Amino acid sequence: MQKAGSLYTQAGDVLKVTPGATQVLAEAVSTASKALRALGTAYTNFDAANGNVYDIASQSSDAMDVLCGRLAP
């Protein structure tokens, strides 16, 4: 769990908005990055009350993927 948490946190820290990206794509990237960091924190701290943090990270990642395909400059 510690290693997975560390990797999710690292992925959230690395994910950045490309200059010139549309506003909606920039917001999707920001949401995905925050969700990955939250997932990393939940895993690292072994928080049993992490709720649906995995679902949020997964869905925001999927949304960002779709938007990148449609809106990337």
PDB file of N, CA and C in Angstrom:
ATOM      1  N   MET A   1       0.812  -1.183   0.000  1.00  0.00           N
ATOM      2  CA  MET A   1       0.000   0.000   0.000  1.00  0.00           C
ATOM      3  C   MET A   1       0.866   1.262   0.000  1.00  0.00           C
ATOM      4  N   GLN A   2       1.959   1.234   0.744  1.00  0.00           N
ATOM      5  CA  GLN A   2       2.844   2.404   0.793  1.00  0.00           C
ATOM      6  C   GLN A   2       3.407   2.716  -0.590  1.00  0.00           C
ATOM      7  N   LYS A   3       3.844   1.688  -1.296  1.00  0.00           N
ATOM      8  CA  LYS A   3       4.435   1.888  -2.624  1.00  0.00           C
ATOM      9  C   LYS A   3       3.380   2.407  -3.600  1.00  0.00           C
ATOM     10  N   ALA A   4       2.188   1.810  -3.576  1.00  0.00           N
ATOM     11  CA  ALA A   4       1.107   2.266  -4.459  1.00  0.00           C
ATOM     12  C   ALA A   4       0.760   3.718  -4.147  1.00  0.00           C
ATOM     13  N   GLY A   5       0.669   4.048  -2.865  1.00  0.00           N
ATOM     14  CA  GLY A   5       0.366   5.425  -2.476  1.00  0.00           C
ATOM     15  C   GLY A   5       1.419   6.392  -2.974  1.00  0.00           C
ATOM     16  N   SER A   6       2.666   5.999  -2.854  1.00  0.00           N
ATOM     17  CA  SER A   6       3.764   6.841  -3.328  1.00  0.00           C
ATOM     18  C   SER A   6       3.692   7.057  -4.841  1.00  0.00           C
ATOM     19  N   LEU A   7       3.381   5.996  -5.567  1.00  0.00           N
ATOM     20  CA  LEU A   7       3.299   6.107  -7.028  1.00  0.00           C
ATOM     21  C   LEU A   7       2.116   6.960  -7.479  1.00  0.00           C
ATOM     22  N   TYR A   8       0.968   6.813  -6.812  1.00  0.00           N
ATOM     23  CA  TYR A   8      -0.180   7.657  -7.153  1.00  0.00           C
ATOM     24  C   TYR A   8       0.124   9.129  -6.864  1.00  0.00           C
ATOM     25  N   THR A   9       0.767   9.396  -5.740  1.00  0.00           N
ATOM     26  CA  THR A   9       1.140  10.769  -5.407  1.00  0.00           C
ATOM     27  C   THR A   9       2.106  11.326  -6.440  1.00  0.00           C
ATOM     28  N   GLN A  10       3.080  10.525  -6.825  1.00  0.00           N
ATOM     29  CA  GLN A  10       4.060  10.946  -7.823  1.00  0.00           C
ATOM     30  C   GLN A  10       3.371  11.243  -9.154  1.00  0.00           C
ATOM     31  N   ALA A  11       2.436  10.397  -9.555  1.00  0.00           N
ATOM     32  CA  ALA A  11       1.704  10.620 -10.810  1.00  0.00           C
ATOM     33  C   ALA A  11       0.918  11.928 -10.746  1.00  0.00           C
ATOM     34  N   GLY A  12       0.307  12.205  -9.601  1.00  0.00           N
ATOM     35  CA  GLY A  12      -0.426  13.458  -9.442  1.00  0.00           C
ATOM     36  C   GLY A  12       0.473  14.673  -9.507  1.00  0.00           C
ATOM     37  N   ASP A  13       1.687  14.542  -8.981  1.00  0.00           N
ATOM     38  CA  ASP A  13       2.639  15.654  -9.002  1.00  0.00           C
ATOM     39  C   ASP A  13       3.203  15.902 -10.399  1.00  0.00           C
ATOM     40  N   VAL A  14       3.325  14.861 -11.199  1.00  0.00           N
ATOM     41  CA  VAL A  14       3.927  14.969 -12.532  1.00  0.00           C
ATOM     42  C   VAL A  14       2.933  15.491 -13.570  1.00  0.00           C
ATOM     43  N   LEU A  15       1.666  15.187 -13.385  1.00  0.00           N
ATOM     44  CA  LEU A  15       0.638  15.566 -14.343  1.00  0.00           C
ATOM     45  C   LEU A  15       0.512  17.087 -14.383  1.00  0.00           C
ATOM     46  N   LYS A  16       0.755  17.680 -15.549  1.00  0.00           N
ATOM     47  CA  LYS A  16       0.744  19.137 -15.693  1.00  0.00           C
ATOM     48  C   LYS A  16      -0.058  19.540 -16.928  1.00  0.00           C
ATOM     49  N   VAL A  17      -0.561  20.757 -16.897  1.00  0.00           N
ATOM     50  CA  VAL A  17      -1.309  21.315 -18.022  1.00  0.00           C
ATOM     51  C   VAL A  17      -0.322  21.850 -19.052  1.00  0.00           C
ATOM     52  N   THR A  18      -0.543  21.485 -20.297  1.00  0.00           N
ATOM     53  CA  THR A  18       0.284  21.989 -21.384  1.00  0.00           C
ATOM     54  C   THR A  18      -0.121  23.422 -21.723  1.00  0.00           C
ATOM     55  N   PRO A  19       0.845  24.327 -21.869  1.00  0.00           N
ATOM     56  CA  PRO A  19       0.490  25.696 -22.250  1.00  0.00           C
ATOM     57  C   PRO A  19      -0.319  25.694 -23.555  1.00  0.00           C
ATOM     58  N   GLY A  20      -1.354  26.496 -23.588  1.00  0.00           N
ATOM     59  CA  GLY A  20      -2.200  26.587 -24.769  1.00  0.00           C
ATOM     60  C   GLY A  20      -3.373  25.624 -24.759  1.00  0.00           C
ATOM     61  N   ALA A  21      -3.479  24.814 -23.705  1.00  0.00           N
ATOM     62  CA  ALA A  21      -4.593  23.865 -23.608  1.00  0.00           C
ATOM     63  C   ALA A  21      -5.891  24.638 -23.396  1.00  0.00           C
ATOM     64  N   THR A  22      -6.979  24.078 -23.855  1.00  0.00           N
ATOM     65  CA  THR A  22      -8.281  24.707 -23.640  1.00  0.00           C
ATOM     66  C   THR A  22      -8.594  24.719 -22.144  1.00  0.00           C
ATOM     67  N   GLN A  23      -9.508  25.601 -21.759  1.00  0.00           N
ATOM     68  CA  GLN A  23      -9.868  25.726 -20.345  1.00  0.00           C
ATOM     69  C   GLN A  23     -10.431  24.426 -19.794  1.00  0.00           C
ATOM     70  N   VAL A  24     -11.299  23.769 -20.550  1.00  0.00           N
ATOM     71  CA  VAL A  24     -11.912  22.531 -20.062  1.00  0.00           C
ATOM     72  C   VAL A  24     -10.873  21.422 -19.906  1.00  0.00           C
ATOM     73  N   LEU A  25      -9.914  21.362 -20.811  1.00  0.00           N
ATOM     74  CA  LEU A  25      -8.849  20.366 -20.700  1.00  0.00           C
ATOM     75  C   LEU A  25      -7.950  20.681 -19.508  1.00  0.00           C
ATOM     76  N   ALA A  26      -7.639  21.949 -19.312  1.00  0.00           N
ATOM     77  CA  ALA A  26      -6.812  22.354 -18.167  1.00  0.00           C
ATOM     78  C   ALA A  26      -7.493  21.980 -16.850  1.00  0.00           C
ATOM     79  N   GLU A  27      -8.799  22.189 -16.766  1.00  0.00           N
ATOM     80  CA  GLU A  27      -9.544  21.840 -15.555  1.00  0.00           C
ATOM     81  C   GLU A  27      -9.577  20.323 -15.348  1.00  0.00           C
ATOM     82  N   ALA A  28      -9.712  19.574 -16.435  1.00  0.00           N
ATOM     83  CA  ALA A  28      -9.719  18.108 -16.330  1.00  0.00           C
ATOM     84  C   ALA A  28      -8.364  17.594 -15.839  1.00  0.00           C
ATOM     85  N   VAL A  29      -7.299  18.157 -16.342  1.00  0.00           N
ATOM     86  CA  VAL A  29      -5.956  17.769 -15.905  1.00  0.00           C
ATOM     87  C   VAL A  29      -5.766  18.109 -14.427  1.00  0.00           C
ATOM     88  N   SER A  30      -6.205  19.290 -14.033  1.00  0.00           N
ATOM     89  CA  SER A  30      -6.087  19.700 -12.627  1.00  0.00           C
ATOM     90  C   SER A  30      -6.868  18.762 -11.713  1.00  0.00           C
ATOM     91  N   THR A  31      -8.080  18.408 -12.118  1.00  0.00           N
ATOM     92  CA  THR A  31      -8.902  17.497 -11.320  1.00  0.00           C
ATOM     93  C   THR A  31      -8.255  16.122 -11.214  1.00  0.00           C
ATOM     94  N   ALA A  32      -7.754  15.610 -12.328  1.00  0.00           N
ATOM     95  CA  ALA A  32      -7.107  14.297 -12.313  1.00  0.00           C
ATOM     96  C   ALA A  32      -5.867  14.310 -11.420  1.00  0.00           C
ATOM     97  N   SER A  33      -5.089  15.374 -11.509  1.00  0.00           N
ATOM     98  CA  SER A  33      -3.887  15.489 -10.687  1.00  0.00           C
ATOM     99  C   SER A  33      -4.230  15.502  -9.202  1.00  0.00           C
ATOM    100  N   LYS A  34      -5.233  16.282  -8.829  1.00  0.00           N
ATOM    101  CA  LYS A  34      -5.646  16.348  -7.422  1.00  0.00           C
ATOM    102  C   LYS A  34      -6.211  15.012  -6.949  1.00  0.00           C
ATOM    103  N   ALA A  35      -6.967  14.352  -7.808  1.00  0.00           N
ATOM    104  CA  ALA A  35      -7.546  13.056  -7.437  1.00  0.00           C
ATOM    105  C   ALA A  35      -6.458  12.009  -7.237  1.00  0.00           C
ATOM    106  N   LEU A  36      -5.430  12.021  -8.081  1.00  0.00           N
ATOM    107  CA  LEU A  36      -4.326  11.071  -7.923  1.00  0.00           C
ATOM    108  C   LEU A  36      -3.568  11.333  -6.626  1.00  0.00           C
ATOM    109  N   ARG A  37      -3.350  12.600  -6.299  1.00  0.00           N
ATOM    110  CA  ARG A  37      -2.672  12.919  -5.036  1.00  0.00           C
ATOM    111  C   ARG A  37      -3.520  12.492  -3.837  1.00  0.00           C
ATOM    112  N   ALA A  38      -4.827  12.701  -3.921  1.00  0.00           N
ATOM    113  CA  ALA A  38      -5.717  12.269  -2.830  1.00  0.00           C
ATOM    114  C   ALA A  38      -5.690  10.751  -2.685  1.00  0.00           C
ATOM    115  N   LEU A  39      -5.677  10.045  -3.809  1.00  0.00           N
ATOM    116  CA  LEU A  39      -5.600   8.592  -3.778  1.00  0.00           C
ATOM    117  C   LEU A  39      -4.284   8.143  -3.153  1.00  0.00           C
ATOM    118  N   GLY A  40      -3.205   8.808  -3.516  1.00  0.00           N
ATOM    119  CA  GLY A  40      -1.906   8.498  -2.929  1.00  0.00           C
ATOM    120  C   GLY A  40      -1.893   8.694  -1.422  1.00  0.00           C
ATOM    121  N   THR A  41      -2.485   9.780  -0.965  1.00  0.00           N
ATOM    122  CA  THR A  41      -2.563  10.046   0.474  1.00  0.00           C
ATOM    123  C   THR A  41      -3.395   8.988   1.179  1.00  0.00           C
ATOM    124  N   ALA A  42      -4.532   8.639   0.589  1.00  0.00           N
ATOM    125  CA  ALA A  42      -5.399   7.628   1.196  1.00  0.00           C
ATOM    126  C   ALA A  42      -4.686   6.283   1.308  1.00  0.00           C
ATOM    127  N   TYR A  43      -3.974   5.890   0.266  1.00  0.00           N
ATOM    128  CA  TYR A  43      -3.259   4.613   0.299  1.00  0.00           C
ATOM    129  C   TYR A  43      -2.091   4.655   1.275  1.00  0.00           C
ATOM    130  N   THR A  44      -1.334   5.733   1.250  1.00  0.00           N
ATOM    131  CA  THR A  44      -0.164   5.851   2.113  1.00  0.00           C
ATOM    132  C   THR A  44      -0.542   5.822   3.588  1.00  0.00           C
ATOM    133  N   ASN A  45      -1.663   6.439   3.923  1.00  0.00           N
ATOM    134  CA  ASN A  45      -2.090   6.519   5.319  1.00  0.00           C
ATOM    135  C   ASN A  45      -2.983   5.364   5.739  1.00  0.00           C
ATOM    136  N   PHE A  46      -3.228   4.425   4.844  1.00  0.00           N
ATOM    137  CA  PHE A  46      -4.090   3.280   5.139  1.00  0.00           C
ATOM    138  C   PHE A  46      -5.436   3.733   5.716  1.00  0.00           C
ATOM    139  N   ASP A  47      -5.978   4.779   5.158  1.00  0.00           N
ATOM    140  CA  ASP A  47      -7.226   5.333   5.668  1.00  0.00           C
ATOM    141  C   ASP A  47      -8.401   4.483   5.202  1.00  0.00           C
ATOM    142  N   ALA A  48      -9.026   3.785   6.134  1.00  0.00           N
ATOM    143  CA  ALA A  48     -10.157   2.924   5.794  1.00  0.00           C
ATOM    144  C   ALA A  48     -11.370   3.732   5.359  1.00  0.00           C
ATOM    145  N   ALA A  49     -11.403   5.006   5.703  1.00  0.00           N
ATOM    146  CA  ALA A  49     -12.533   5.873   5.355  1.00  0.00           C
ATOM    147  C   ALA A  49     -12.212   6.720   4.131  1.00  0.00           C
ATOM    148  N   ASN A  50     -11.499   6.126   3.165  1.00  0.00           N
ATOM    149  CA  ASN A  50     -11.121   6.907   1.989  1.00  0.00           C
ATOM    150  C   ASN A  50     -12.263   7.080   1.004  1.00  0.00           C
ATOM    151  N   GLY A  51     -13.415   6.499   1.307  1.00  0.00           N
ATOM    152  CA  GLY A  51     -14.605   6.721   0.476  1.00  0.00           C
ATOM    153  C   GLY A  51     -14.411   6.274  -0.949  1.00  0.00           C
ATOM    154  N   ASN A  52     -14.800   7.121  -1.854  1.00  0.00           N
ATOM    155  CA  ASN A  52     -14.742   6.768  -3.269  1.00  0.00           C
ATOM    156  C   ASN A  52     -13.584   7.458  -3.988  1.00  0.00           C
ATOM    157  N   VAL A  53     -12.485   7.674  -3.274  1.00  0.00           N
ATOM    158  CA  VAL A  53     -11.352   8.377  -3.868  1.00  0.00           C
ATOM    159  C   VAL A  53     -10.821   7.641  -5.102  1.00  0.00           C
ATOM    160  N   TYR A  54     -10.844   6.313  -5.102  1.00  0.00           N
ATOM    161  CA  TYR A  54     -10.388   5.573  -6.282  1.00  0.00           C
ATOM    162  C   TYR A  54     -11.306   5.842  -7.480  1.00  0.00           C
ATOM    163  N   ASP A  55     -12.610   5.817  -7.249  1.00  0.00           N
ATOM    164  CA  ASP A  55     -13.554   6.073  -8.336  1.00  0.00           C
ATOM    165  C   ASP A  55     -13.393   7.477  -8.905  1.00  0.00           C
ATOM    166  N   ILE A  56     -13.168   8.448  -8.031  1.00  0.00           N
ATOM    167  CA  ILE A  56     -12.966   9.827  -8.488  1.00  0.00           C
ATOM    168  C   ILE A  56     -11.712   9.913  -9.347  1.00  0.00           C
ATOM    169  N   ALA A  57     -10.625   9.307  -8.892  1.00  0.00           N
ATOM    170  CA  ALA A  57      -9.376   9.333  -9.665  1.00  0.00           C
ATOM    171  C   ALA A  57      -9.549   8.636 -11.000  1.00  0.00           C
ATOM    172  N   SER A  58     -10.217   7.506 -10.997  1.00  0.00           N
ATOM    173  CA  SER A  58     -10.420   6.740 -12.230  1.00  0.00           C
ATOM    174  C   SER A  58     -11.286   7.510 -13.223  1.00  0.00           C
ATOM    175  N   GLN A  59     -12.385   8.055 -12.758  1.00  0.00           N
ATOM    176  CA  GLN A  59     -13.288   8.772 -13.659  1.00  0.00           C
ATOM    177  C   GLN A  59     -12.681  10.070 -14.176  1.00  0.00           C
ATOM    178  N   SER A  60     -11.940  10.774 -13.335  1.00  0.00           N
ATOM    179  CA  SER A  60     -11.310  12.012 -13.804  1.00  0.00           C
ATOM    180  C   SER A  60     -10.203  11.697 -14.804  1.00  0.00           C
ATOM    181  N   SER A  61      -9.512  10.597 -14.612  1.00  0.00           N
ATOM    182  CA  SER A  61      -8.495  10.176 -15.575  1.00  0.00           C
ATOM    183  C   SER A  61      -9.128   9.818 -16.922  1.00  0.00           C
ATOM    184  N   ASP A  62     -10.243   9.107 -16.876  1.00  0.00           N
ATOM    185  CA  ASP A  62     -10.946   8.752 -18.111  1.00  0.00           C
ATOM    186  C   ASP A  62     -11.444   9.998 -18.838  1.00  0.00           C
ATOM    187  N   ALA A  63     -11.988  10.956 -18.088  1.00  0.00           N
ATOM    188  CA  ALA A  63     -12.479  12.194 -18.696  1.00  0.00           C
ATOM    189  C   ALA A  63     -11.343  12.971 -19.340  1.00  0.00           C
ATOM    190  N   MET A  64     -10.194  13.032 -18.654  1.00  0.00           N
ATOM    191  CA  MET A  64      -9.042  13.737 -19.199  1.00  0.00           C
ATOM    192  C   MET A  64      -8.561  13.071 -20.485  1.00  0.00           C
ATOM    193  N   ASP A  65      -8.572  11.758 -20.518  1.00  0.00           N
ATOM    194  CA  ASP A  65      -8.153  11.011 -21.705  1.00  0.00           C
ATOM    195  C   ASP A  65      -9.044  11.362 -22.895  1.00  0.00           C
ATOM    196  N   VAL A  66     -10.355  11.379 -22.683  1.00  0.00           N
ATOM    197  CA  VAL A  66     -11.300  11.700 -23.753  1.00  0.00           C
ATOM    198  C   VAL A  66     -11.072  13.146 -24.223  1.00  0.00           C
ATOM    199  N   LEU A  67     -10.941  14.063 -23.267  1.00  0.00           N
ATOM    200  CA  LEU A  67     -10.764  15.452 -23.631  1.00  0.00           C
ATOM    201  C   LEU A  67      -9.448  15.689 -24.356  1.00  0.00           C
ATOM    202  N   CYS A  68      -8.389  14.997 -23.962  1.00  0.00           N
ATOM    203  CA  CYS A  68      -7.103  15.129 -24.658  1.00  0.00           C
ATOM    204  C   CYS A  68      -7.252  14.728 -26.122  1.00  0.00           C
ATOM    205  N   GLY A  69      -7.987  13.656 -26.345  1.00  0.00           N
ATOM    206  CA  GLY A  69      -8.208  13.194 -27.718  1.00  0.00           C
ATOM    207  C   GLY A  69      -9.004  14.174 -28.557  1.00  0.00           C
ATOM    208  N   ARG A  70      -9.879  14.918 -27.915  1.00  0.00           N
ATOM    209  CA  ARG A  70     -10.750  15.840 -28.641  1.00  0.00           C
ATOM    210  C   ARG A  70     -10.226  17.268 -28.704  1.00  0.00           C
ATOM    211  N   LEU A  71      -9.562  17.718 -27.650  1.00  0.00           N
ATOM    212  CA  LEU A  71      -9.285  19.149 -27.519  1.00  0.00           C
ATOM    213  C   LEU A  71      -7.807  19.534 -27.509  1.00  0.00           C
ATOM    214  N   ALA A  72      -6.921  18.584 -27.513  1.00  0.00           N
ATOM    215  CA  ALA A  72      -5.494  18.934 -27.449  1.00  0.00           C
ATOM    216  C   ALA A  72      -5.106  19.758 -28.670  1.00  0.00           C
ATOM    217  N   PRO A  73      -4.361  20.836 -28.432  1.00  0.00           N
ATOM    218  CA  PRO A  73      -3.969  21.704 -29.557  1.00  0.00           C
ATOM    219  C   PRO A  73      -3.002  21.026 -30.501  1.00  0.00           C
TER     220      PRO A  73
END
